[in-house]
Amino acid sequence: MFRWLLLLVLAVAVGLGFIVGILNPQSVFVDLGFFEGSVPLGALMLLCILSGMLLALGLTGIGRLLSRIRGLGGPKS
């Protein structure tokens, strides 16, 4: 059951990626300090969404780790 759900989510994500890429073909200039170049707007939008998701996932993981550490090192009665 989990594999079918994962495949469905993957198919929807790929479809949405294609839609974003096709609807935003304009080229934009990006200057990040270490990278300068022209990239399609759709690719830049997907990269920003992906980096935001990874940042949120990392912060959630750090929060869970800190709460676990605080729970283990708390006062014992």
N, C-alpha and C. Protein backbone atom coordinates (compact mmCIF):
# COMPACT_ATOMS: atom_id res chain seq x y z
N MET A 1 0.83 -1.19 0.00
CA MET A 1 0.00 0.00 0.00
C MET A 1 0.88 1.26 0.00
N PHE A 2 1.95 1.22 0.81
CA PHE A 2 2.81 2.39 0.92
C PHE A 2 3.51 2.68 -0.40
N ARG A 3 3.88 1.62 -1.14
CA ARG A 3 4.57 1.82 -2.42
C ARG A 3 3.66 2.51 -3.43
N TRP A 4 2.39 2.13 -3.46
CA TRP A 4 1.46 2.77 -4.39
C TRP A 4 1.25 4.23 -4.04
N LEU A 5 1.16 4.51 -2.77
CA LEU A 5 1.00 5.90 -2.34
C LEU A 5 2.25 6.71 -2.69
N LEU A 6 3.42 6.13 -2.48
CA LEU A 6 4.67 6.81 -2.83
C LEU A 6 4.77 7.05 -4.33
N LEU A 7 4.38 6.08 -5.13
CA LEU A 7 4.40 6.26 -6.58
C LEU A 7 3.40 7.32 -7.03
N LEU A 8 2.24 7.38 -6.38
CA LEU A 8 1.25 8.40 -6.71
C LEU A 8 1.77 9.81 -6.37
N VAL A 9 2.37 9.94 -5.20
CA VAL A 9 2.94 11.24 -4.80
C VAL A 9 4.07 11.63 -5.74
N LEU A 10 4.90 10.69 -6.12
CA LEU A 10 5.99 10.95 -7.06
C LEU A 10 5.45 11.40 -8.41
N ALA A 11 4.42 10.73 -8.91
CA ALA A 11 3.83 11.11 -10.20
C ALA A 11 3.24 12.51 -10.15
N VAL A 12 2.55 12.83 -9.06
CA VAL A 12 1.98 14.18 -8.93
C VAL A 12 3.08 15.23 -8.85
N ALA A 13 4.16 14.95 -8.12
CA ALA A 13 5.26 15.90 -8.01
C ALA A 13 5.94 16.11 -9.36
N VAL A 14 6.15 15.05 -10.11
CA VAL A 14 6.75 15.19 -11.43
C VAL A 14 5.84 15.98 -12.35
N GLY A 15 4.55 15.69 -12.30
CA GLY A 15 3.59 16.45 -13.11
C GLY A 15 3.58 17.92 -12.77
N LEU A 16 3.57 18.24 -11.49
CA LEU A 16 3.60 19.65 -11.08
C LEU A 16 4.92 20.32 -11.49
N GLY A 17 6.01 19.57 -11.43
CA GLY A 17 7.29 20.11 -11.87
C GLY A 17 7.28 20.45 -13.35
N PHE A 18 6.70 19.56 -14.15
CA PHE A 18 6.59 19.84 -15.58
C PHE A 18 5.71 21.05 -15.85
N ILE A 19 4.61 21.15 -15.12
CA ILE A 19 3.71 22.29 -15.31
C ILE A 19 4.42 23.60 -14.97
N VAL A 20 5.11 23.63 -13.84
CA VAL A 20 5.83 24.84 -13.45
C VAL A 20 6.91 25.17 -14.48
N GLY A 21 7.61 24.16 -14.96
CA GLY A 21 8.66 24.39 -15.95
C GLY A 21 8.14 24.87 -17.28
N ILE A 22 7.03 24.32 -17.72
CA ILE A 22 6.46 24.70 -19.01
C ILE A 22 5.82 26.07 -18.96
N LEU A 23 5.16 26.41 -17.86
CA LEU A 23 4.46 27.69 -17.77
C LEU A 23 5.40 28.86 -17.47
N ASN A 24 6.64 28.59 -17.10
CA ASN A 24 7.59 29.65 -16.77
C ASN A 24 8.90 29.47 -17.53
N PRO A 25 8.89 29.61 -18.84
CA PRO A 25 10.12 29.38 -19.61
C PRO A 25 11.03 30.61 -19.69
N GLN A 26 10.60 31.74 -19.13
CA GLN A 26 11.41 32.95 -19.22
C GLN A 26 12.75 32.73 -18.54
N SER A 27 13.75 33.36 -19.08
CA SER A 27 15.09 33.25 -18.51
C SER A 27 15.32 34.41 -17.55
N VAL A 28 15.86 34.11 -16.38
CA VAL A 28 16.17 35.14 -15.39
C VAL A 28 17.65 35.06 -15.04
N PHE A 29 18.22 36.20 -14.68
CA PHE A 29 19.63 36.25 -14.30
C PHE A 29 19.75 36.06 -12.80
N VAL A 30 20.65 35.18 -12.39
CA VAL A 30 20.86 34.86 -10.97
C VAL A 30 22.30 35.21 -10.61
N ASP A 31 22.46 35.98 -9.52
CA ASP A 31 23.79 36.32 -9.01
C ASP A 31 23.83 35.94 -7.54
N LEU A 32 24.50 34.82 -7.24
CA LEU A 32 24.59 34.33 -5.86
C LEU A 32 25.94 34.59 -5.22
N GLY A 33 26.82 35.26 -5.91
CA GLY A 33 28.15 35.48 -5.38
C GLY A 33 29.13 34.45 -5.89
N PHE A 34 28.77 33.17 -5.72
CA PHE A 34 29.62 32.09 -6.23
C PHE A 34 29.12 31.57 -7.57
N PHE A 35 27.93 31.99 -7.98
CA PHE A 35 27.36 31.57 -9.26
C PHE A 35 26.65 32.74 -9.90
N GLU A 36 26.98 32.99 -11.14
CA GLU A 36 26.27 33.99 -11.93
C GLU A 36 25.85 33.32 -13.22
N GLY A 37 24.60 33.48 -13.54
CA GLY A 37 24.16 32.89 -14.79
C GLY A 37 22.69 33.10 -15.03
N SER A 38 22.27 32.63 -16.18
CA SER A 38 20.89 32.75 -16.59
C SER A 38 20.24 31.37 -16.50
N VAL A 39 19.13 31.28 -15.79
CA VAL A 39 18.42 30.01 -15.63
C VAL A 39 16.93 30.25 -15.93
N PRO A 40 16.22 29.22 -16.32
CA PRO A 40 14.78 29.37 -16.53
C PRO A 40 14.06 29.66 -15.21
N LEU A 41 13.03 30.47 -15.29
CA LEU A 41 12.28 30.86 -14.09
C LEU A 41 11.66 29.65 -13.41
N GLY A 42 11.14 28.69 -14.18
CA GLY A 42 10.54 27.49 -13.59
C GLY A 42 11.54 26.69 -12.79
N ALA A 43 12.76 26.54 -13.32
CA ALA A 43 13.80 25.80 -12.60
C ALA A 43 14.19 26.53 -11.32
N LEU A 44 14.27 27.83 -11.37
CA LEU A 44 14.61 28.62 -10.18
C LEU A 44 13.52 28.50 -9.12
N MET A 45 12.26 28.53 -9.54
CA MET A 45 11.15 28.38 -8.59
C MET A 45 11.19 27.00 -7.93
N LEU A 46 11.42 25.95 -8.73
CA LEU A 46 11.48 24.61 -8.16
C LEU A 46 12.66 24.46 -7.21
N LEU A 47 13.79 25.08 -7.54
CA LEU A 47 14.95 25.04 -6.67
C LEU A 47 14.68 25.74 -5.34
N CYS A 48 13.98 26.86 -5.39
CA CYS A 48 13.63 27.58 -4.16
C CYS A 48 12.66 26.78 -3.30
N ILE A 49 11.68 26.16 -3.93
CA ILE A 49 10.73 25.33 -3.18
C ILE A 49 11.44 24.15 -2.54
N LEU A 50 12.31 23.49 -3.30
CA LEU A 50 13.05 22.34 -2.77
C LEU A 50 13.97 22.74 -1.62
N SER A 51 14.67 23.86 -1.76
CA SER A 51 15.57 24.29 -0.68
C SER A 51 14.78 24.67 0.57
N GLY A 52 13.61 25.27 0.40
CA GLY A 52 12.76 25.58 1.55
C GLY A 52 12.26 24.34 2.26
N MET A 53 11.89 23.33 1.46
CA MET A 53 11.44 22.06 2.07
C MET A 53 12.57 21.38 2.82
N LEU A 54 13.77 21.39 2.25
CA LEU A 54 14.91 20.76 2.93
C LEU A 54 15.27 21.52 4.21
N LEU A 55 15.19 22.84 4.18
CA LEU A 55 15.47 23.64 5.37
C LEU A 55 14.44 23.34 6.46
N ALA A 56 13.17 23.27 6.09
CA ALA A 56 12.13 22.95 7.08
C ALA A 56 12.31 21.56 7.65
N LEU A 57 12.67 20.60 6.80
CA LEU A 57 12.91 19.24 7.27
C LEU A 57 14.09 19.20 8.23
N GLY A 58 15.15 19.93 7.92
CA GLY A 58 16.32 19.98 8.79
C GLY A 58 16.00 20.62 10.13
N LEU A 59 15.26 21.71 10.12
CA LEU A 59 14.89 22.36 11.37
C LEU A 59 13.97 21.49 12.22
N THR A 60 13.08 20.76 11.57
CA THR A 60 12.22 19.84 12.30
C THR A 60 13.04 18.73 12.95
N GLY A 61 14.01 18.21 12.21
CA GLY A 61 14.87 17.17 12.75
C GLY A 61 15.69 17.67 13.92
N ILE A 62 16.21 18.89 13.82
CA ILE A 62 16.98 19.46 14.93
C ILE A 62 16.09 19.65 16.15
N GLY A 63 14.86 20.11 15.93
CA GLY A 63 13.92 20.28 17.05
C GLY A 63 13.61 18.98 17.73
N ARG A 64 13.40 17.92 16.96
CA ARG A 64 13.13 16.62 17.56
C ARG A 64 14.34 16.10 18.32
N LEU A 65 15.52 16.31 17.76
CA LEU A 65 16.74 15.86 18.42
C LEU A 65 16.94 16.59 19.74
N LEU A 66 16.72 17.91 19.73
CA LEU A 66 16.89 18.68 20.97
C LEU A 66 15.86 18.27 22.03
N SER A 67 14.62 18.03 21.61
CA SER A 67 13.62 17.62 22.59
C SER A 67 13.94 16.23 23.15
N ARG A 68 14.51 15.37 22.33
CA ARG A 68 14.90 14.05 22.82
C ARG A 68 16.06 14.17 23.81
N ILE A 69 17.02 15.04 23.51
CA ILE A 69 18.16 15.23 24.40
C ILE A 69 17.70 15.84 25.72
N ARG A 70 16.81 16.83 25.65
CA ARG A 70 16.31 17.44 26.88
C ARG A 70 15.51 16.44 27.71
N GLY A 71 14.78 15.56 27.06
CA GLY A 71 14.00 14.55 27.78
C GLY A 71 14.87 13.52 28.47
N LEU A 72 16.00 13.21 27.88
CA LEU A 72 16.89 12.21 28.47
C LEU A 72 17.73 12.79 29.61
N GLY A 73 18.06 14.07 29.54
CA GLY A 73 18.95 14.65 30.53
C GLY A 73 18.23 15.43 31.62
N GLY A 74 16.92 15.28 31.70
CA GLY A 74 16.15 16.04 32.68
C GLY A 74 16.35 15.55 34.10
N PRO A 75 15.80 16.27 35.07
CA PRO A 75 15.95 15.88 36.47
C PRO A 75 15.22 14.56 36.74
N LYS A 76 15.83 13.74 37.56
CA LYS A 76 15.26 12.44 37.91
C LYS A 76 14.80 12.48 39.36
N SER A 77 13.61 11.93 39.59
CA SER A 77 13.11 11.93 40.96
C SER A 77 13.19 10.58 41.59
